[in-house]
Protein backbone atom coordinates (compact mmCIF):
# COMPACT_ATOMS: atom_id res chain seq x y z
CA MET A 1 30.87 -10.96 30.95
CA ALA A 2 32.17 -12.43 27.69
CA VAL A 3 29.60 -13.30 25.05
CA ARG A 4 29.75 -16.96 24.07
CA GLN A 5 30.51 -17.45 20.41
CA PRO A 6 28.21 -19.78 18.48
CA VAL A 7 29.49 -23.30 17.83
CA THR A 8 30.52 -23.91 14.22
CA LEU A 9 30.34 -26.94 11.94
CA THR A 10 34.15 -27.03 11.96
CA GLN A 11 34.22 -27.46 15.76
CA VAL A 12 31.62 -30.24 15.58
CA ALA A 13 33.66 -32.01 12.88
CA GLU A 14 36.89 -31.77 14.90
CA ALA A 15 35.21 -33.09 18.06
CA ALA A 16 33.68 -36.04 16.19
CA GLY A 17 36.86 -36.77 14.22
CA VAL A 18 35.10 -36.49 10.84
CA SER A 19 34.98 -34.06 7.94
CA ILE A 20 32.69 -31.03 7.74
CA ALA A 21 30.96 -32.71 4.77
CA THR A 22 30.14 -35.73 6.95
CA VAL A 23 28.64 -33.49 9.66
CA SER A 24 26.55 -31.77 7.00
CA ARG A 25 25.33 -35.13 5.64
CA VAL A 26 24.31 -36.27 9.12
CA LEU A 27 22.45 -33.06 9.99
CA ASN A 28 20.77 -32.81 6.60
CA ARG A 29 20.11 -36.57 6.42
CA ARG A 30 21.66 -36.82 2.97
CA GLY A 31 23.97 -39.52 1.65
CA GLN A 32 25.24 -42.71 3.27
CA VAL A 33 26.67 -42.41 6.80
CA ASP A 34 27.21 -45.46 9.01
CA GLU A 35 25.39 -45.59 12.34
CA HIS A 36 28.58 -45.37 14.44
CA THR A 37 29.68 -42.15 12.69
CA ARG A 38 26.20 -40.67 12.93
CA ARG A 39 26.16 -41.27 16.71
CA ARG A 40 29.62 -39.64 17.12
CA VAL A 41 28.43 -36.56 15.23
CA MET A 42 25.18 -36.25 17.19
CA THR A 43 27.03 -36.72 20.49
CA SER A 44 29.40 -33.88 19.55
CA VAL A 45 26.44 -31.70 18.55
CA GLU A 46 24.85 -32.32 21.95
CA ASN A 47 28.05 -31.85 23.98
CA LEU A 48 29.07 -28.64 22.21
CA GLY A 49 25.56 -27.18 22.11
CA TYR A 50 25.45 -26.76 18.34
CA ASP A 51 22.06 -25.42 17.11
CA ALA A 52 21.01 -28.21 14.76
CA SER A 53 17.38 -27.06 14.88
CA SER A 54 18.08 -24.29 12.36
CA ILE A 55 19.32 -26.94 9.90
CA ALA A 56 16.12 -28.91 10.41
CA ARG A 57 13.96 -25.84 9.91
CA LYS A 58 15.69 -25.00 6.64
CA ARG A 59 15.38 -28.58 5.46
CA GLU A 60 11.67 -28.69 6.24
CA ALA A 61 11.19 -25.37 4.47
CA ARG A 62 12.84 -26.74 1.33
CA ILE A 63 10.74 -29.88 1.44
CA GLU A 64 7.51 -27.97 1.90
CA GLN A 65 8.33 -25.14 -0.49
CA ARG A 66 5.98 -24.96 -3.44
CA MET A 67 5.18 -22.55 -6.22
CA PHE A 68 2.45 -20.03 -5.44
CA ASN A 69 0.30 -18.38 -8.10
CA VAL A 70 -0.73 -14.83 -7.21
CA GLU A 71 -3.21 -12.70 -9.15
CA LEU A 72 -2.84 -8.91 -8.91
CA LEU A 73 -6.26 -7.50 -9.77
CA LEU A 74 -6.32 -3.90 -11.03
CA CYS A 75 -9.60 -2.06 -10.43
CA PRO A 76 -9.37 1.32 -12.18
CA LEU A 77 -11.86 4.15 -12.14
CA ALA A 78 -13.75 4.51 -15.41
CA GLU A 79 -11.54 7.40 -16.54
CA GLN A 80 -8.26 5.59 -15.79
CA LYS A 81 -7.09 4.04 -19.06
CA ASN A 82 -3.97 2.37 -17.67
CA MET A 83 -3.49 2.31 -13.91
CA LEU A 84 0.14 1.23 -14.13
CA LEU A 85 1.05 4.49 -15.91
CA LEU A 86 0.21 6.31 -12.67
CA ASP A 87 3.33 6.89 -10.57
CA PHE A 88 1.61 5.72 -7.39
CA MET A 89 0.45 2.41 -8.89
CA ALA A 90 3.74 1.74 -10.67
CA GLU A 91 5.73 2.27 -7.47
CA ALA A 92 3.37 0.05 -5.45
CA LEU A 93 3.79 -2.67 -8.08
CA ARG A 94 7.56 -2.40 -7.82
CA GLY A 95 7.21 -2.94 -4.08
CA VAL A 96 5.15 -6.10 -4.63
CA GLN A 97 7.63 -7.43 -7.18
CA SER A 98 10.65 -6.65 -5.01
CA PHE A 99 9.24 -8.71 -2.14
CA PHE A 100 8.27 -11.68 -4.31
CA SER A 101 11.67 -11.62 -6.00
CA ARG A 102 13.29 -12.48 -2.65
CA HIS A 103 11.44 -15.78 -2.75
CA GLY A 104 11.88 -18.08 -5.71
CA ASN A 105 8.42 -19.60 -5.52
CA VAL A 106 5.90 -16.94 -6.55
CA ARG A 107 4.45 -16.42 -10.02
CA MET A 108 2.39 -13.25 -10.36
CA ASN A 109 -0.12 -12.45 -13.07
CA ILE A 110 -1.74 -9.04 -13.58
CA CYS A 111 -5.34 -8.68 -14.72
CA THR A 112 -7.89 -5.87 -14.83
CA TRP A 113 -11.50 -5.92 -13.67
CA GLU A 114 -13.76 -3.50 -15.52
CA PRO A 115 -17.51 -2.92 -15.20
CA ASP A 116 -19.63 -5.06 -17.53
CA GLU A 117 -20.55 -2.01 -19.59
CA ILE A 118 -16.85 -1.59 -20.46
CA MET A 119 -15.74 -5.23 -20.62
CA HIS A 120 -17.82 -8.13 -21.90
CA HIS A 121 -19.39 -10.19 -19.14
CA GLU A 122 -17.74 -13.36 -20.45
CA GLU A 123 -14.26 -11.82 -20.11
CA ASN A 124 -14.93 -10.82 -16.51
CA GLU A 125 -16.10 -14.36 -15.75
CA MET A 126 -12.86 -15.78 -17.17
CA ILE A 127 -10.91 -13.42 -14.90
CA PHE A 128 -13.06 -14.40 -11.92
CA ASN A 129 -12.33 -18.08 -12.52
CA ARG A 130 -8.61 -17.32 -12.52
CA LEU A 131 -8.96 -15.45 -9.23
CA VAL A 132 -10.78 -18.24 -7.39
CA ASN A 133 -8.17 -20.79 -8.56
CA ALA A 134 -5.17 -18.69 -7.50
CA ASP A 135 -3.24 -19.25 -4.29
CA GLY A 136 -3.55 -15.58 -3.41
CA VAL A 137 -5.25 -12.43 -4.70
CA LEU A 138 -4.05 -8.84 -4.33
CA VAL A 139 -6.53 -6.09 -5.23
CA ILE A 140 -5.45 -2.53 -5.96
CA GLY A 141 -7.45 0.49 -7.07
CA ASN A 142 -11.15 1.01 -6.47
CA PRO A 143 -12.89 -2.36 -6.59
CA ALA A 144 -16.68 -2.44 -6.74
CA SER A 145 -18.27 -4.06 -3.70
CA GLU A 146 -19.76 -6.76 -5.94
CA ILE A 147 -16.44 -8.28 -7.01
CA ILE A 148 -15.08 -8.36 -3.45
CA ASP A 149 -18.32 -9.91 -2.17
CA ARG A 150 -18.16 -12.59 -4.88
CA LEU A 151 -14.57 -13.45 -4.00
CA VAL A 152 -15.41 -13.76 -0.30
CA GLU A 153 -18.45 -15.92 -1.07
CA ALA A 154 -16.18 -18.18 -3.17
CA GLY A 155 -13.84 -18.62 -0.21
CA VAL A 156 -11.14 -16.25 -1.47
CA MET A 157 -9.75 -13.82 1.11
CA PRO A 158 -8.00 -11.11 -0.92
CA VAL A 159 -5.57 -8.52 0.38
CA LEU A 160 -6.77 -5.02 -0.50
CA ILE A 161 -4.06 -2.50 -1.35
CA SER A 162 -4.73 1.18 -0.61
CA THR A 163 -8.43 0.57 0.01
CA ASP A 164 -10.55 -0.92 2.76
CA ARG A 165 -13.94 -2.39 3.56
CA GLN A 166 -15.44 -1.28 6.85
CA ASP A 167 -18.47 -3.59 6.62
CA ILE A 168 -16.66 -6.94 6.42
CA PRO A 169 -13.34 -8.09 7.95
CA LEU A 170 -10.73 -8.28 5.20
CA ASN A 171 -6.98 -8.07 4.95
CA SER A 172 -5.96 -4.59 3.84
CA VAL A 173 -2.84 -2.46 3.64
CA CYS A 174 -3.51 1.25 3.29
CA PHE A 175 -2.39 4.69 4.34
CA ASP A 176 -3.97 6.50 7.29
CA ASP A 177 -5.88 8.83 4.99
CA PHE A 178 -8.27 10.08 7.67
CA ALA A 179 -5.40 11.06 9.97
CA GLY A 180 -3.71 12.73 7.00
CA GLY A 181 -6.79 14.88 6.42
CA VAL A 182 -6.81 15.86 10.08
CA MET A 183 -3.10 16.74 9.90
CA ALA A 184 -3.51 18.93 6.80
CA ALA A 185 -6.53 20.82 8.17
CA ARG A 186 -4.84 21.35 11.54
CA HIS A 187 -1.80 22.87 9.82
CA LEU A 188 -3.98 25.35 7.94
CA VAL A 189 -5.84 26.28 11.12
CA GLU A 190 -2.51 26.87 12.86
CA CYS A 191 -1.52 29.11 9.94
CA GLY A 192 -4.52 31.31 10.71
CA PHE A 193 -7.03 30.25 8.04
CA ARG A 194 -10.65 30.51 9.14
CA ARG A 195 -12.22 28.64 6.20
CA ILE A 196 -10.91 25.46 4.57
CA GLY A 197 -11.98 23.74 1.36
CA PHE A 198 -11.45 20.24 0.02
CA LEU A 199 -11.34 19.45 -3.70
CA CYS A 200 -12.15 15.73 -4.01
CA GLY A 201 -11.04 13.98 -7.19
CA SER A 202 -13.87 11.43 -7.20
CA ASP A 203 -16.59 10.17 -4.88
CA LYS A 204 -15.88 6.62 -6.09
CA ALA A 205 -12.37 6.45 -4.58
CA ARG A 206 -12.65 5.34 -0.95
CA SER A 207 -9.25 6.79 -0.08
CA PHE A 208 -10.34 10.23 -1.35
CA LEU A 209 -13.48 10.07 0.78
CA ARG A 210 -11.51 9.17 3.91
CA ARG A 211 -9.19 12.09 3.24
CA ARG A 212 -12.15 14.42 2.90
CA SER A 213 -13.66 13.09 6.14
CA GLY A 214 -10.45 13.82 8.04
CA VAL A 215 -10.30 17.39 6.71
CA MET A 216 -14.00 17.94 7.45
CA VAL A 217 -13.89 16.61 11.02
CA GLN A 218 -10.85 18.68 11.97
CA THR A 219 -12.18 21.85 10.31
CA ILE A 220 -15.60 21.57 11.94
CA ASP A 221 -14.04 20.80 15.31
CA SER A 222 -11.70 23.82 15.10
CA LEU A 223 -13.73 26.38 13.16
CA GLY A 224 -17.36 25.24 13.01
CA PHE A 225 -19.48 23.50 10.38
CA GLU A 226 -20.04 26.62 8.27
CA ASN A 227 -16.29 27.02 7.66
CA PHE A 228 -15.83 23.80 5.69
CA GLU A 229 -16.51 23.64 1.93
CA SER A 230 -16.09 20.71 -0.46
CA ARG A 231 -16.44 20.17 -4.19
CA THR A 232 -16.32 16.95 -6.22
CA PRO A 233 -16.06 16.81 -10.04
CA LYS A 234 -17.86 14.22 -12.15
CA THR A 235 -14.65 12.22 -12.54
CA SER A 236 -11.01 12.50 -11.46
CA ASP A 237 -9.96 13.40 -15.01
CA ASP A 238 -7.96 16.66 -15.01
CA SER A 239 -10.39 18.39 -17.38
CA GLU A 240 -13.35 17.63 -15.09
CA VAL A 241 -11.38 18.76 -12.03
CA ALA A 242 -10.57 22.03 -13.82
CA VAL A 243 -14.24 22.69 -14.62
CA CYS A 244 -15.28 21.95 -11.05
CA PHE A 245 -12.64 24.22 -9.52
CA ARG A 246 -13.32 27.10 -11.91
CA GLU A 247 -17.02 26.97 -11.06
CA TRP A 248 -16.10 27.01 -7.38
CA LEU A 249 -13.90 30.08 -7.88
CA GLU A 250 -16.59 31.88 -9.84
CA SER A 251 -19.19 31.16 -7.15
CA GLY A 252 -17.36 33.38 -4.70
CA HIS A 253 -17.52 30.68 -2.00
CA CYS A 254 -14.10 29.08 -2.52
CA PRO A 255 -12.01 29.26 0.69
CA GLU A 256 -8.52 30.72 0.53
CA ALA A 257 -7.07 27.48 1.89
CA ILE A 258 -7.60 24.38 -0.27
CA ILE A 259 -6.65 20.73 0.25
CA THR A 260 -6.76 18.48 -2.80
CA SER A 261 -7.26 14.71 -2.75
CA HIS A 262 -4.33 13.97 -5.08
CA ALA A 263 -1.33 15.65 -6.67
CA SER A 264 -2.59 16.22 -10.23
CA ALA A 265 -5.63 18.03 -8.79
CA ALA A 266 -3.25 20.45 -7.05
CA ALA A 267 -1.51 21.10 -10.37
CA VAL A 268 -4.90 21.79 -11.98
CA VAL A 269 -5.73 24.30 -9.21
CA CYS A 270 -2.45 26.14 -9.80
CA ARG A 271 -3.07 26.36 -13.55
CA GLU A 272 -6.65 27.57 -13.10
CA LEU A 273 -5.56 30.23 -10.61
CA LYS A 274 -2.96 31.51 -13.05
CA SER A 275 -5.49 31.65 -15.89
CA CYS A 276 -7.69 33.83 -13.65
CA GLY A 277 -4.83 36.19 -12.78
CA LEU A 278 -4.44 34.69 -9.31
CA SER A 279 -1.56 32.81 -7.71
CA CYS A 280 -0.51 30.42 -4.99
CA PRO A 281 0.24 31.21 -2.22
CA GLU A 282 -0.44 34.94 -2.51
CA ASP A 283 -4.16 34.50 -3.17
CA TYR A 284 -4.83 30.84 -2.36
CA SER A 285 -2.85 28.37 -0.24
CA ILE A 286 -2.73 24.70 -1.25
CA ILE A 287 -1.96 21.39 0.43
CA THR A 288 -2.26 18.10 -1.43
CA PHE A 289 -2.20 14.41 -0.71
CA ASP A 290 0.41 12.27 -2.46
CA ASP A 291 3.81 13.37 -3.70
CA THR A 292 3.59 16.55 -5.73
CA ILE A 293 4.17 17.11 -9.42
CA ASP A 294 7.44 18.94 -9.97
CA ASN A 295 7.78 22.40 -11.46
CA VAL A 296 4.24 23.76 -11.17
CA PHE A 297 5.08 27.43 -11.71
CA GLY A 298 8.11 27.00 -9.45
CA LEU A 299 6.04 25.84 -6.50
CA GLU A 300 6.94 23.15 -4.01
CA ILE A 301 3.49 22.23 -2.81
CA THR A 302 3.08 21.28 0.84
CA HIS A 303 1.95 17.68 0.73
CA LEU A 304 1.24 14.52 2.69
CA HIS A 305 4.14 12.33 1.67
CA ILE A 306 3.36 8.68 0.91
CA TYR A 307 5.46 5.56 0.49
CA PRO A 308 3.73 3.46 -2.21
CA ARG A 309 6.69 1.07 -2.52
CA GLU A 310 6.40 0.22 1.17
CA LEU A 311 2.66 -0.25 0.62
CA GLY A 312 3.39 -2.85 -2.07
CA ILE A 313 6.00 -4.63 0.05
CA LYS A 314 3.67 -4.89 3.06
CA SER A 315 0.84 -6.17 0.86
CA ALA A 316 3.01 -8.85 -0.75
CA GLN A 317 4.35 -9.84 2.65
CA ARG A 318 0.84 -10.31 4.02
CA ILE A 319 -0.39 -12.44 1.10
CA TYR A 320 2.77 -14.56 1.31
CA GLN A 321 2.15 -15.16 5.03
CA MET A 322 -1.41 -16.23 4.26
CA MET A 323 -0.38 -18.63 1.50
CA SER A 324 2.47 -20.14 3.51
CA SER A 325 0.35 -20.71 6.60
CA SER A 326 -2.05 -23.03 4.71
CA GLY A 327 -5.10 -21.64 6.48
CA LYS A 328 -3.52 -21.58 9.94
CA ASP A 329 -3.40 -17.78 9.94
CA ASP A 330 -6.77 -16.77 8.56
CA ARG A 331 -7.45 -13.82 10.86
CA PRO A 332 -7.82 -10.63 8.81
CA TYR A 333 -5.24 -7.94 9.47
CA LYS A 334 -5.49 -4.25 8.69
CA ILE A 335 -2.09 -2.64 8.23
CA VAL A 336 -2.18 1.17 8.30
CA LEU A 337 0.86 3.16 7.15
CA PRO A 338 1.39 6.74 8.35
CA LEU A 339 1.54 9.86 6.19
CA GLU A 340 4.13 12.58 6.64
CA LEU A 341 3.37 16.29 6.19
CA THR A 342 6.17 17.71 4.05
CA MET A 343 6.43 21.48 3.95
CA GLY A 344 6.73 23.44 0.72
CA ASN A 345 6.07 27.06 -0.25
CA SER A 346 2.40 26.75 -1.23
CA VAL A 347 0.95 27.86 2.12
CA LYS A 348 1.14 31.49 3.22
CA CYS A 349 0.29 31.96 6.89
CA ARG A 350 -2.39 34.53 7.65
CA ALA A 351 -2.41 36.77 10.70
CA LYS A 352 -4.62 35.22 13.39
């Protein structure tokens, strides 16, 4: 059965005995066209089955199009001096910008929310006023519950990037960190490890805690509660992570299979092992979340691959949908992106 080809403007013009420009003026309702000509064009449109509805939709979109002001709120941990210097954050931002650039009607401003002990209270209040007057708010990092609660109370429904709130329904776009933890622990169990440890970069990062929970649940389910160990430094700063891991090594309780919450922590583990005359994977096997840091003593660390650019695109897409719907689509959505276990040479299988 032959597929019917779509009717073109040229065919409509020929059938009506007018120019293509005249057909366009009639369908777009622009310029002066006498009533007799308009009727001939519309009759041809109807007889030929031309899809004039798409023209109308585009016209309405142009009429209704407006400029949207979006605030991207950065919420760093105390030890993070500039979030956008982090590869993950920079790539997520590029994703947001790439989506907005496809539309010519979004202006985005970037601001940072710091605790009052770091930033003057008056400055935070100025930022808050900007947020409540914006058309849309994207939040990335580790926002304190207080700022999110204030935004919700003020009628602002932000989109959370790479974080989530389980206690209240909010729009969020994040990775499936819990499932990633399960995946990493299961791989180590399948490689014959009987004890698994998790080095958590910070207990203030919700994504790190979900990753730890996934590792813990899978380890306990497969090996028993006593075969899971976890350590958390004071902050996610590399120097604090190094101190925490060295103390763990010296305690004699550090498992031979370690999962770290983020890539720089894995690099710290490798350096500390080397300084103690140990190595990966001969003495300790390592898996990390996030894309690994290149050239750590020649290792390609097995890791849970992420797509931060896609995270940014999905987040921008969601906030744009919310702004364009003018309150018609106010149901919160949680978008969860999968993680992919990418094999390297940092895990040495043990005999079962």
